[in-house]
Amino acid sequence: MLFVIDIGNSNIVLGLYREEQIAAHWRIATKKQKTADEYGILVKDLFRSEGFSPEDVDGIIISCVVPPLLPIVEEMSQRYFQITPLVVGPGIKTGMPILYDNPKEVGADRIVNAVAAYTKYRRALIVVDFGTATTFDHISERGEYLGGIISPGIMISIEALFYHASKLPRIEVAKPRQIIGKTTINAMQSGIYYGYIGLVDGIVNRIKSEVGSKIKVIATGGLADLIAAESTTIETVEPSLTLEGLRLIHQMNQKTG
């Protein structure tokens, strides 16, 4: 089985694949202070909860945008699985040309998403990822990564309001009953929810105007379903896009030795 690990700034998403089918997946909080042993014990417990063990795993692949955590998770892989993991980065075969001024600047998760999206749809795409940052990535009809846009994520915006406006509370992301709030919490929820829908639709429409071609828009990330419900531009939500991209990249690199 293949163990796929996506290390993000807020969450680490884990998936276990049997051939091309995902057998289990988990989301845990990113904690930079955890040791390899702490992560190892946590992962073993997660595996056990679904009836799996580390001995079931014969391959591991990691994408990481939190550099201090990469050596810790690599050590965990070697100590608890006896496997040296494949790490998405320079020198790894992705099958996708990166047409960026400096390809090394592109986050591994964004490339992984792009690979999975293009492999499935084989057409020009915009991938919107609702993570710690909200990112927009453009893939050409020929399967080239052309660049994208990075904006603050929804939770970052909520935390900024809480920390920098003395009287504003911390809120949950939710669709309000009406756009004009009758309480402070409702007013904040309206601003966050409809503000981000406006941000997404505005940026996507500007990309479409600049590129001048018909593009399919897909979304992924923890809040993708919530925003997609009211967005006029998001066509499809792909919740396992990053995990699937990791599986595909691992498969490509196995074939090439």
Protein backbone atom coordinates (compact mmCIF):
# COMPACT_ATOMS: atom_id res chain seq x y z
CA MET A 1 0.00 0.00 0.00
CA LEU A 2 1.05 3.59 -0.60
CA PHE A 3 1.07 6.12 2.24
CA VAL A 4 0.69 9.72 0.98
CA ILE A 5 1.42 12.73 3.22
CA ASP A 6 0.64 16.38 2.45
CA ILE A 7 2.16 18.73 5.05
CA GLY A 8 0.39 22.10 5.00
CA ASN A 9 0.73 25.12 7.24
CA SER A 10 -2.48 24.37 9.18
CA ASN A 11 -3.10 20.67 8.60
CA ILE A 12 -1.34 17.49 7.57
CA VAL A 13 -3.51 15.35 5.31
CA LEU A 14 -2.73 11.63 5.22
CA GLY A 15 -3.99 9.01 2.82
CA LEU A 16 -3.54 5.28 2.39
CA TYR A 17 -3.95 3.83 -1.10
CA ARG A 18 -4.50 0.24 -2.16
CA GLU A 19 -3.52 0.37 -5.86
CA GLU A 20 -5.60 3.27 -7.27
CA GLN A 21 -8.27 3.25 -4.55
CA ILE A 22 -8.00 5.28 -1.37
CA ALA A 23 -8.53 2.98 1.60
CA ALA A 24 -8.40 5.57 4.39
CA HIS A 25 -7.58 9.22 4.94
CA TRP A 26 -7.07 11.52 7.91
CA ARG A 27 -6.50 15.22 8.68
CA ILE A 28 -4.41 16.25 11.69
CA ALA A 29 -3.20 19.62 12.94
CA THR A 30 0.27 20.74 11.86
CA LYS A 31 2.47 20.98 14.95
CA LYS A 32 6.05 22.05 14.28
CA GLN A 33 7.14 21.16 17.81
CA LYS A 34 6.18 17.48 17.56
CA THR A 35 9.00 14.96 17.28
CA ALA A 36 9.34 12.06 14.83
CA ASP A 37 8.32 9.69 17.63
CA GLU A 38 5.18 11.69 18.46
CA TYR A 39 4.10 11.69 14.82
CA GLY A 40 4.99 8.01 14.52
CA ILE A 41 2.82 7.02 17.49
CA LEU A 42 -0.05 9.19 16.23
CA VAL A 43 0.12 7.66 12.74
CA LYS A 44 0.25 4.11 14.14
CA ASP A 45 -2.88 4.85 16.19
CA LEU A 46 -4.66 6.24 13.12
CA PHE A 47 -3.71 3.16 11.12
CA ARG A 48 -4.91 0.87 13.90
CA SER A 49 -8.27 2.67 14.07
CA GLU A 50 -8.93 1.64 10.45
CA GLY A 51 -7.51 -1.87 10.72
CA PHE A 52 -4.11 -1.20 9.11
CA SER A 53 -0.51 -1.39 10.34
CA PRO A 54 2.81 0.12 9.17
CA GLU A 55 3.77 -3.29 7.75
CA ASP A 56 1.02 -2.85 5.13
CA VAL A 57 2.92 0.08 3.59
CA ASP A 58 5.52 -0.42 0.86
CA GLY A 59 5.86 3.17 -0.36
CA ILE A 60 5.62 6.72 1.03
CA ILE A 61 5.46 10.08 -0.75
CA ILE A 62 5.50 13.51 0.90
CA SER A 63 4.68 17.03 -0.25
CA CYS A 64 5.60 19.74 2.23
CA VAL A 65 5.32 23.54 2.47
CA VAL A 66 6.60 23.66 6.07
CA PRO A 67 10.39 23.10 5.73
CA PRO A 68 11.14 22.45 9.44
CA LEU A 69 8.71 19.52 9.45
CA LEU A 70 10.09 17.69 6.43
CA PRO A 71 13.10 16.08 8.17
CA ILE A 72 10.88 15.12 11.11
CA VAL A 73 8.36 13.30 8.90
CA GLU A 74 11.18 11.73 6.88
CA GLU A 75 12.66 10.41 10.12
CA MET A 76 9.23 9.13 11.18
CA SER A 77 8.91 7.28 7.85
CA GLN A 78 12.29 5.61 8.23
CA ARG A 79 11.88 4.73 11.91
CA TYR A 80 8.27 3.48 11.93
CA PHE A 81 7.92 2.19 8.36
CA GLN A 82 11.54 1.38 7.43
CA ILE A 83 10.96 3.32 4.19
CA THR A 84 12.86 6.27 2.74
CA PRO A 85 10.06 8.46 1.37
CA LEU A 86 9.88 10.14 -2.02
CA VAL A 87 9.68 13.92 -1.53
CA VAL A 88 8.00 16.16 -4.12
CA GLY A 89 10.55 18.74 -5.21
CA PRO A 90 13.27 19.50 -7.76
CA GLY A 91 14.35 16.40 -9.66
CA ILE A 92 11.06 14.55 -9.15
CA LYS A 93 9.18 13.58 -12.30
CA THR A 94 5.71 15.18 -12.42
CA GLY A 95 4.96 15.03 -16.14
CA MET A 96 4.10 18.75 -16.06
CA PRO A 97 6.27 21.60 -17.41
CA ILE A 98 6.45 24.41 -14.82
CA LEU A 99 6.40 27.69 -16.79
CA TYR A 100 7.26 29.91 -13.83
CA ASP A 101 10.14 32.39 -13.67
CA ASN A 102 11.64 30.30 -10.87
CA PRO A 103 9.97 26.85 -10.77
CA LYS A 104 11.51 26.14 -7.34
CA GLU A 105 9.28 28.85 -5.84
CA VAL A 106 6.06 26.98 -6.61
CA GLY A 107 4.69 25.17 -3.56
CA ALA A 108 4.75 21.39 -3.81
CA ASP A 109 1.04 21.19 -2.97
CA ARG A 110 0.17 23.46 -5.91
CA ILE A 111 2.08 21.26 -8.36
CA VAL A 112 0.54 18.12 -6.91
CA ASN A 113 -2.96 19.61 -7.28
CA ALA A 114 -2.23 20.65 -10.87
CA VAL A 115 -0.99 17.18 -11.81
CA ALA A 116 -4.08 15.49 -10.36
CA ALA A 117 -6.48 17.97 -11.95
CA TYR A 118 -4.96 17.76 -15.44
CA THR A 119 -4.67 13.98 -15.32
CA LYS A 120 -8.40 13.73 -14.62
CA TYR A 121 -9.76 16.42 -16.95
CA ARG A 122 -7.16 16.84 -19.73
CA ARG A 123 -8.13 20.42 -20.47
CA ALA A 124 -7.34 24.00 -19.45
CA LEU A 125 -8.06 24.45 -15.75
CA ILE A 126 -8.10 26.79 -12.80
CA VAL A 127 -7.59 25.02 -9.47
CA VAL A 128 -8.74 26.95 -6.38
CA ASP A 129 -7.34 25.57 -3.13
CA PHE A 130 -8.83 26.77 0.16
CA GLY A 131 -5.94 26.21 2.54
CA THR A 132 -4.04 28.47 4.91
CA ALA A 133 -3.72 30.63 1.81
CA THR A 134 -6.34 30.62 -0.94
CA THR A 135 -4.49 29.82 -4.15
CA PHE A 136 -5.50 29.90 -7.80
CA ASP A 137 -3.44 27.86 -10.28
CA HIS A 138 -3.76 27.94 -14.05
CA ILE A 139 -2.98 24.86 -16.15
CA SER A 140 -2.93 25.09 -19.93
CA GLU A 141 -4.76 22.84 -22.37
CA ARG A 142 -1.39 21.16 -23.05
CA GLY A 143 -0.86 20.38 -19.38
CA GLU A 144 1.60 23.18 -18.53
CA TYR A 145 1.63 24.92 -15.17
CA LEU A 146 1.35 28.60 -16.14
CA GLY A 147 1.31 30.31 -12.75
CA GLY A 148 -1.30 31.55 -10.35
CA ILE A 149 -2.44 33.82 -7.55
CA ILE A 150 -2.03 33.66 -3.77
CA SER A 151 -4.38 35.46 -1.38
CA PRO A 152 -4.88 35.23 2.40
CA GLY A 153 -6.91 32.22 3.46
CA ILE A 154 -10.31 32.44 5.08
CA MET A 155 -9.09 31.46 8.56
CA ILE A 156 -6.21 33.95 8.38
CA SER A 157 -8.74 36.72 7.69
CA ILE A 158 -10.93 35.64 10.62
CA GLU A 159 -7.94 35.54 12.96
CA ALA A 160 -6.80 38.98 11.76
CA LEU A 161 -10.18 40.47 12.63
CA PHE A 162 -10.13 38.84 16.06
CA TYR A 163 -6.58 39.93 16.94
CA HIS A 164 -6.61 43.44 15.49
CA ALA A 165 -10.15 44.64 16.22
CA SER A 166 -10.58 44.74 19.98
CA LYS A 167 -14.36 44.27 20.13
CA LEU A 168 -14.73 41.61 17.43
CA PRO A 169 -15.04 37.97 18.54
CA ARG A 170 -13.52 34.89 16.94
CA ILE A 171 -16.19 33.30 14.71
CA GLU A 172 -16.87 30.09 12.82
CA VAL A 173 -17.11 30.16 9.04
CA ALA A 174 -20.77 29.73 8.12
CA LYS A 175 -23.27 30.90 5.55
CA PRO A 176 -25.45 33.58 7.20
CA ARG A 177 -29.23 33.54 6.88
CA GLN A 178 -29.18 36.95 5.18
CA ILE A 179 -26.43 39.17 3.87
CA ILE A 180 -27.19 42.15 6.15
CA GLY A 181 -26.20 41.11 9.65
CA LYS A 182 -28.37 41.95 12.67
CA THR A 183 -25.64 40.97 15.14
CA THR A 184 -21.88 41.45 15.15
CA ILE A 185 -21.31 37.73 14.56
CA ASN A 186 -23.78 37.65 11.66
CA ALA A 187 -22.20 40.76 10.16
CA MET A 188 -18.73 39.20 10.36
CA GLN A 189 -19.94 35.90 8.90
CA SER A 190 -21.52 37.80 6.02
CA GLY A 191 -18.33 39.72 5.35
CA ILE A 192 -16.17 36.61 5.41
CA TYR A 193 -18.51 34.29 3.50
CA TYR A 194 -19.73 36.61 0.76
CA GLY A 195 -16.43 38.47 0.69
CA TYR A 196 -14.58 35.28 -0.21
CA ILE A 197 -17.17 34.26 -2.77
CA GLY A 198 -16.68 37.68 -4.37
CA LEU A 199 -12.90 37.27 -4.20
CA VAL A 200 -13.01 33.84 -5.85
CA ASP A 201 -15.45 34.77 -8.59
CA GLY A 202 -13.72 38.08 -9.25
CA ILE A 203 -10.26 36.53 -9.61
CA VAL A 204 -11.49 33.60 -11.70
CA ASN A 205 -13.34 35.92 -14.09
CA ARG A 206 -10.27 38.13 -14.44
CA ILE A 207 -8.12 35.08 -15.25
CA LYS A 208 -10.64 34.00 -17.87
CA SER A 209 -10.65 37.50 -19.40
CA GLU A 210 -6.85 37.60 -19.53
CA VAL A 211 -6.40 34.10 -20.93
CA GLY A 212 -9.26 34.38 -23.39
CA SER A 213 -10.25 30.72 -23.42
CA LYS A 214 -12.82 28.43 -21.86
CA ILE A 215 -11.42 26.99 -18.64
CA LYS A 216 -12.89 24.49 -16.20
CA VAL A 217 -12.75 25.68 -12.57
CA ILE A 218 -12.35 23.14 -9.78
CA ALA A 219 -11.89 23.64 -6.05
CA THR A 220 -10.30 21.69 -3.23
CA GLY A 221 -9.43 22.23 0.42
CA GLY A 222 -11.33 22.14 3.67
CA LEU A 223 -13.83 24.93 2.93
CA ALA A 224 -14.27 24.26 -0.80
CA ASP A 225 -17.81 22.85 -0.48
CA LEU A 226 -19.01 25.82 1.58
CA ILE A 227 -17.74 28.46 -0.87
CA ALA A 228 -18.61 26.47 -3.99
CA ALA A 229 -22.26 26.34 -2.91
CA GLU A 230 -22.69 30.06 -3.73
CA SER A 231 -19.85 30.65 -6.20
CA THR A 232 -20.86 31.29 -9.81
CA THR A 233 -17.50 30.14 -11.20
CA ILE A 234 -16.55 26.95 -9.31
CA GLU A 235 -17.88 23.99 -11.29
CA THR A 236 -16.60 20.98 -9.36
CA VAL A 237 -15.22 20.22 -5.90
CA GLU A 238 -12.46 17.61 -5.67
CA PRO A 239 -11.85 16.94 -1.95
CA SER A 240 -9.04 14.38 -2.45
CA LEU A 241 -7.18 16.23 -5.21
CA THR A 242 -3.86 16.57 -3.36
CA LEU A 243 -3.78 12.96 -2.19
CA GLU A 244 -4.58 11.74 -5.69
CA GLY A 245 -1.81 13.93 -7.14
CA LEU A 246 0.69 12.41 -4.72
CA ARG A 247 -0.36 8.92 -5.78
CA LEU A 248 0.07 9.80 -9.46
CA ILE A 249 3.51 11.36 -8.94
CA HIS A 250 4.67 8.35 -6.93
CA GLN A 251 3.46 6.08 -9.73
CA MET A 252 5.35 8.11 -12.36
CA ASN A 253 8.58 7.95 -10.41
CA GLN A 254 8.24 4.23 -9.76
CA LYS A 255 7.89 3.61 -13.50
CA THR A 256 11.03 5.63 -14.23
CA GLY A 257 12.99 3.90 -11.47
